C-alpha atoms as a PDB file:
ATOM      1  CA  UNK A   1      67.807  66.187  86.654  1.00  0.00           C
ATOM      2  CA  UNK A   2      71.036  65.888  88.759  1.00  0.00           C
ATOM      3  CA  UNK A   3      72.817  65.188  85.655  1.00  0.00           C
ATOM      4  CA  UNK A   4      71.863  68.407  83.973  1.00  0.00           C
ATOM      5  CA  UNK A   5      73.509  70.202  87.081  1.00  0.00           C
ATOM      6  CA  UNK A   6      76.637  68.087  86.885  1.00  0.00           C
ATOM      7  CA  UNK A   7      76.963  69.302  83.394  1.00  0.00           C
ATOM      8  CA  UNK A   8      76.440  72.876  84.320  1.00  0.00           C
ATOM      9  CA  UNK A   9      78.800  72.608  87.134  1.00  0.00           C
ATOM     10  CA  UNK A  10      81.363  71.308  84.873  1.00  0.00           C
ATOM     11  CA  UNK A  11      80.775  73.894  82.356  1.00  0.00           C
ATOM     12  CA  UNK A  12      80.932  76.724  84.897  1.00  0.00           C
ATOM     13  CA  UNK A  13      84.227  75.243  85.864  1.00  0.00           C
ATOM     14  CA  UNK A  14      85.593  75.575  82.359  1.00  0.00           C
ATOM     15  CA  UNK A  15      84.162  79.144  82.168  1.00  0.00           C
ATOM     16  CA  UNK A  16      86.119  80.135  85.123  1.00  0.00           C
ATOM     17  CA  UNK A  17      89.287  78.829  83.544  1.00  0.00           C
ATOM     18  CA  UNK A  18      88.485  80.653  80.386  1.00  0.00           C
ATOM     19  CA  UNK A  19      87.870  83.961  81.965  1.00  0.00           C
ATOM     20  CA  UNK A  20      91.395  83.689  83.648  1.00  0.00           C
ATOM     21  CA  UNK A  21      92.916  83.360  80.264  1.00  0.00           C
ATOM     22  CA  UNK A  22      90.988  85.671  77.834  1.00  0.00           C
ATOM     23  CA  UNK A  23      89.814  88.994  77.595  1.00  0.00           C
ATOM     24  CA  UNK A  24      86.313  89.801  79.074  1.00  0.00           C
ATOM     25  CA  UNK A  25      84.665  90.580  75.622  1.00  0.00           C
ATOM     26  CA  UNK A  26      85.507  86.762  74.236  1.00  0.00           C
ATOM     27  CA  UNK A  27      84.534  85.321  77.662  1.00  0.00           C
ATOM     28  CA  UNK A  28      81.171  86.651  77.283  1.00  0.00           C
ATOM     29  CA  UNK A  29      80.823  84.852  74.021  1.00  0.00           C
ATOM     30  CA  UNK A  30      81.785  81.527  75.557  1.00  0.00           C
ATOM     31  CA  UNK A  31      79.398  82.049  78.702  1.00  0.00           C
ATOM     32  CA  UNK A  32      76.545  82.654  76.317  1.00  0.00           C
ATOM     33  CA  UNK A  33      77.229  79.660  74.171  1.00  0.00           C
ATOM     34  CA  UNK A  34      77.490  77.717  77.515  1.00  0.00           C
ATOM     35  CA  UNK A  35      74.126  78.984  78.601  1.00  0.00           C
ATOM     36  CA  UNK A  36      72.729  78.126  75.440  1.00  0.00           C
ATOM     37  CA  UNK A  37      73.998  74.553  75.666  1.00  0.00           C
ATOM     38  CA  UNK A  38      72.790  74.335  79.161  1.00  0.00           C
ATOM     39  CA  UNK A  39      69.188  75.515  78.251  1.00  0.00           C
ATOM     40  CA  UNK A  40      69.141  73.348  75.086  1.00  0.00           C
ATOM     41  CA  UNK A  41      70.094  70.277  77.112  1.00  0.00           C
ATOM     42  CA  UNK A  42      67.514  71.034  79.716  1.00  0.00           C
ATOM     43  CA  UNK A  43      64.835  71.186  76.957  1.00  0.00           C
ATOM     44  CA  UNK A  44      65.849  68.498  74.825  1.00  0.00           C
ATOM     45  CA  UNK A  45      66.343  65.864  77.572  1.00  0.00           C
ATOM     46  CA  UNK A  46      63.061  64.259  78.678  1.00  0.00           C
ATOM     47  CA  UNK A  47      64.675  61.324  80.264  1.00  0.00           C
ATOM     48  CA  UNK A  48      67.824  61.295  82.310  1.00  0.00           C
ATOM     49  CA  UNK A  49      71.151  60.576  80.877  1.00  0.00           C
ATOM     50  CA  UNK A  50      73.280  58.033  82.457  1.00  0.00           C
ATOM     51  CA  UNK A  51      76.204  59.319  84.411  1.00  0.00           C
ATOM     52  CA  UNK A  52      78.740  58.035  81.917  1.00  0.00           C
ATOM     53  CA  UNK A  53      76.574  59.751  78.986  1.00  0.00           C
ATOM     54  CA  UNK A  54      76.559  63.023  81.076  1.00  0.00           C
ATOM     55  CA  UNK A  55      80.378  62.741  81.590  1.00  0.00           C
ATOM     56  CA  UNK A  56      80.868  62.061  78.010  1.00  0.00           C
ATOM     57  CA  UNK A  57      79.052  65.177  76.970  1.00  0.00           C
ATOM     58  CA  UNK A  58      80.479  67.309  79.538  1.00  0.00           C
ATOM     59  CA  UNK A  59      84.108  66.065  78.263  1.00  0.00           C
ATOM     60  CA  UNK A  60      82.867  66.694  74.499  1.00  0.00           C
ATOM     61  CA  UNK A  61      81.841  70.213  75.432  1.00  0.00           C
ATOM     62  CA  UNK A  62      85.000  70.968  77.310  1.00  0.00           C
ATOM     63  CA  UNK A  63      87.098  69.984  74.154  1.00  0.00           C
ATOM     64  CA  UNK A  64      84.974  72.209  72.097  1.00  0.00           C
ATOM     65  CA  UNK A  65      85.742  74.980  74.323  1.00  0.00           C
ATOM     66  CA  UNK A  66      89.359  74.324  74.339  1.00  0.00           C
ATOM     67  CA  UNK A  67      89.424  74.401  70.503  1.00  0.00           C
ATOM     68  CA  UNK A  68      87.462  77.728  70.525  1.00  0.00           C
ATOM     69  CA  UNK A  69      89.867  79.247  73.049  1.00  0.00           C
ATOM     70  CA  UNK A  70      93.009  78.199  71.115  1.00  0.00           C
ATOM     71  CA  UNK A  71      91.293  79.898  67.995  1.00  0.00           C
ATOM     72  CA  UNK A  72      90.750  82.808  70.096  1.00  0.00           C
ATOM     73  CA  UNK A  73      94.180  82.929  71.635  1.00  0.00           C
ATOM     74  CA  UNK A  74      95.437  82.620  67.966  1.00  0.00           C
ATOM     75  CA  UNK A  75      93.354  85.602  66.774  1.00  0.00           C
ATOM     76  CA  UNK A  76      94.583  87.703  69.656  1.00  0.00           C
ATOM     77  CA  UNK A  77      98.050  86.887  68.649  1.00  0.00           C
ATOM     78  CA  UNK A  78      97.679  87.930  65.362  1.00  0.00           C
ATOM     79  CA  UNK A  79      96.004  91.102  66.222  1.00  0.00           C
ATOM     80  CA  UNK A  80      98.734  91.967  68.746  1.00  0.00           C
ATOM     81  CA  UNK A  81     101.200  91.574  66.175  1.00  0.00           C
ATOM     82  CA  UNK A  82      99.539  93.774  63.749  1.00  0.00           C
ATOM     83  CA  UNK A  83      99.293  96.334  66.291  1.00  0.00           C
ATOM     84  CA  UNK A  84     103.093  95.992  67.246  1.00  0.00           C
ATOM     85  CA  UNK A  85     103.852  96.206  63.512  1.00  0.00           C
ATOM     86  CA  UNK A  86     101.854  99.479  63.203  1.00  0.00           C
ATOM     87  CA  UNK A  87     103.208 100.944  66.254  1.00  0.00           C
ATOM     88  CA  UNK A  88     106.848 100.300  65.030  1.00  0.00           C
ATOM     89  CA  UNK A  89     105.921 101.971  61.561  1.00  0.00           C
ATOM     90  CA  UNK A  90     104.604 104.923  63.379  1.00  0.00           C
ATOM     91  CA  UNK A  91     107.494 105.631  65.721  1.00  0.00           C
ATOM     92  CA  UNK A  92     109.868 105.686  62.562  1.00  0.00           C
ATOM     93  CA  UNK A  93     107.956 108.220  60.767  1.00  0.00           C
ATOM     94  CA  UNK A  94     107.029 110.709  64.060  1.00  0.00           C
ATOM     95  CA  UNK A  95     105.854 113.762  62.478  1.00  0.00           C
ATOM     96  CA  UNK A  96     107.436 117.221  63.763  1.00  0.00           C
ATOM     97  CA  UNK A  97     105.394 119.765  65.194  1.00  0.00           C
ATOM     98  CA  UNK A  98     103.526 122.173  63.059  1.00  0.00           C
ATOM     99  CA  UNK A  99     102.874 125.757  64.043  1.00  0.00           C
ATOM    100  CA  UNK A 100     100.820 128.537  62.618  1.00  0.00           C
ATOM    101  CA  UNK A 101     100.517 132.000  64.169  1.00  0.00           C
ATOM    102  CA  UNK A 102      97.955 134.645  63.168  1.00  0.00           C
ATOM    103  CA  UNK A 103      98.088 138.413  64.343  1.00  0.00           C
ATOM    104  CA  UNK A 104      95.227 140.428  64.561  1.00  0.00           C
ATOM    105  CA  UNK A 105      96.260 143.700  66.093  1.00  0.00           C
ATOM    106  CA  UNK A 106      97.401 142.901  69.785  1.00  0.00           C
ATOM    107  CA  UNK A 107      95.924 139.565  69.602  1.00  0.00           C
ATOM    108  CA  UNK A 108      97.704 136.436  68.511  1.00  0.00           C
ATOM    109  CA  UNK A 109      96.215 133.048  67.605  1.00  0.00           C
ATOM    110  CA  UNK A 110      98.277 130.174  67.602  1.00  0.00           C
ATOM    111  CA  UNK A 111      97.554 126.712  66.181  1.00  0.00           C
ATOM    112  CA  UNK A 112     100.106 124.223  67.274  1.00  0.00           C
ATOM    113  CA  UNK A 113      99.562 120.454  65.817  1.00  0.00           C
ATOM    114  CA  UNK A 114     101.832 117.848  67.506  1.00  0.00           C
ATOM    115  CA  UNK A 115     102.103 114.117  67.631  1.00  0.00           C
ATOM    116  CA  UNK A 116     102.473 111.783  70.592  1.00  0.00           C
ATOM    117  CA  UNK A 117     106.173 112.429  70.702  1.00  0.00           C
ATOM    118  CA  UNK A 118     105.847 116.222  71.055  1.00  0.00           C
ATOM    119  CA  UNK A 119     103.022 116.375  73.653  1.00  0.00           C
ATOM    120  CA  UNK A 120     105.394 118.596  75.710  1.00  0.00           C
ATOM    121  CA  UNK A 121     105.503 121.492  73.140  1.00  0.00           C
ATOM    122  CA  UNK A 122     102.019 122.777  74.207  1.00  0.00           C
ATOM    123  CA  UNK A 123     103.348 123.547  77.796  1.00  0.00           C
ATOM    124  CA  UNK A 124     106.644 124.788  76.512  1.00  0.00           C
ATOM    125  CA  UNK A 125     104.859 127.150  74.088  1.00  0.00           C
ATOM    126  CA  UNK A 126     102.786 128.616  76.836  1.00  0.00           C
ATOM    127  CA  UNK A 127     105.894 128.959  79.251  1.00  0.00           C
ATOM    128  CA  UNK A 128     107.528 130.721  76.303  1.00  0.00           C
ATOM    129  CA  UNK A 129     104.678 133.253  75.575  1.00  0.00           C
ATOM    130  CA  UNK A 130     104.585 134.185  79.602  1.00  0.00           C
ATOM    131  CA  UNK A 131     108.259 134.698  79.457  1.00  0.00           C
ATOM    132  CA  UNK A 132     108.019 137.002  76.393  1.00  0.00           C
ATOM    133  CA  UNK A 133     105.251 138.989  78.420  1.00  0.00           C
ATOM    134  CA  UNK A 134     102.105 137.934  76.531  1.00  0.00           C
ATOM    135  CA  UNK A 135      98.794 137.439  78.305  1.00  0.00           C
ATOM    136  CA  UNK A 136      97.271 134.214  77.916  1.00  0.00           C
ATOM    137  CA  UNK A 137      93.518 134.663  77.143  1.00  0.00           C
ATOM    138  CA  UNK A 138      92.662 130.935  76.496  1.00  0.00           C
ATOM    139  CA  UNK A 139      94.403 127.581  75.668  1.00  0.00           C
ATOM    140  CA  UNK A 140      92.810 124.516  74.439  1.00  0.00           C
ATOM    141  CA  UNK A 141      93.719 121.150  72.758  1.00  0.00           C
ATOM    142  CA  UNK A 142      91.686 118.500  70.885  1.00  0.00           C
ATOM    143  CA  UNK A 143      93.007 114.860  70.597  1.00  0.00           C
ATOM    144  CA  UNK A 144      92.343 113.121  67.222  1.00  0.00           C
ATOM    145  CA  UNK A 145      94.039 109.797  66.662  1.00  0.00           C
ATOM    146  CA  UNK A 146      97.527 110.071  67.450  1.00  0.00           C
ATOM    147  CA  UNK A 147      97.523 113.885  66.790  1.00  0.00           C
ATOM    148  CA  UNK A 148      97.157 116.936  69.215  1.00  0.00           C
ATOM    149  CA  UNK A 149      95.496 120.248  68.085  1.00  0.00           C
ATOM    150  CA  UNK A 150      96.432 122.961  70.322  1.00  0.00           C
ATOM    151  CA  UNK A 151      95.026 126.504  69.985  1.00  0.00           C
ATOM    152  CA  UNK A 152      96.297 129.342  72.178  1.00  0.00           C
ATOM    153  CA  UNK A 153      94.758 132.891  72.342  1.00  0.00           C
ATOM    154  CA  UNK A 154      96.929 135.504  73.758  1.00  0.00           C
ATOM    155  CA  UNK A 155      97.688 139.298  73.809  1.00  0.00           C
ATOM    156  CA  UNK A 156     100.518 141.265  73.594  1.00  0.00           C
ATOM    157  CA  UNK A 157     101.330 144.912  74.797  1.00  0.00           C
ATOM    158  CA  UNK A 158     102.370 146.212  71.416  1.00  0.00           C
ATOM    159  CA  UNK A 159     101.692 145.058  67.993  1.00  0.00           C
ATOM    160  CA  UNK A 160     105.395 145.086  67.154  1.00  0.00           C
ATOM    161  CA  UNK A 161     105.883 142.549  69.897  1.00  0.00           C
ATOM    162  CA  UNK A 162     103.522 140.181  68.402  1.00  0.00           C
ATOM    163  CA  UNK A 163     105.637 140.007  65.267  1.00  0.00           C
ATOM    164  CA  UNK A 164     108.753 139.714  67.287  1.00  0.00           C
ATOM    165  CA  UNK A 165     107.116 136.894  69.417  1.00  0.00           C
ATOM    166  CA  UNK A 166     105.712 135.062  66.581  1.00  0.00           C
ATOM    167  CA  UNK A 167     109.079 134.795  64.926  1.00  0.00           C
ATOM    168  CA  UNK A 168     110.843 133.677  67.997  1.00  0.00           C
ATOM    169  CA  UNK A 169     108.206 131.285  68.911  1.00  0.00           C
ATOM    170  CA  UNK A 170     108.207 129.526  65.493  1.00  0.00           C
ATOM    171  CA  UNK A 171     112.162 129.272  65.795  1.00  0.00           C
ATOM    172  CA  UNK A 172     111.887 127.836  69.157  1.00  0.00           C
ATOM    173  CA  UNK A 173     109.327 125.208  67.887  1.00  0.00           C
ATOM    174  CA  UNK A 174     111.372 124.007  64.983  1.00  0.00           C
ATOM    175  CA  UNK A 175     114.700 124.097  66.750  1.00  0.00           C
ATOM    176  CA  UNK A 176     113.126 122.228  69.821  1.00  0.00           C
ATOM    177  CA  UNK A 177     112.078 119.219  67.234  1.00  0.00           C
ATOM    178  CA  UNK A 178     115.518 119.315  65.403  1.00  0.00           C
ATOM    179  CA  UNK A 179     117.088 117.448  68.601  1.00  0.00           C
ATOM    180  CA  UNK A 180     114.365 114.448  67.990  1.00  0.00           C
END
């Protein structure tokens, strides 16, 4: 019975090393496999192993864990490379913001879709509307993937101001993204 605890102690030492190297999700798999091996060893072993057999078993198990660790590292590196490639492709094709404005009497409903590079545009649109004298009723946004969907509800004093503000806001948004 002492031998089983020695194998367990050696295996736990390996798991601690693996934990420091790999992400938590992958370590959970290794810990689960180690516990299955230890439980299996306790059930199967009816007679105690000799010390050299126990050390050999622990050595074999450690080598197996090292091979699995290398495979996991390779997989992680491949996935990180794919992620880097996707990020570099997305940067080259950053989408300019899109704006749509609907006027209903004194109310303006502004829909703004931006990518990650134009998150500041929402704040700038609100600042612009306030400078033009519009009253902001509500302002919301939703994030989906790498796009931000903004909605601004505001009111103007006169309907003629709404048309003027709409045109100036569109020019402001499209001129702002011309520098990017």
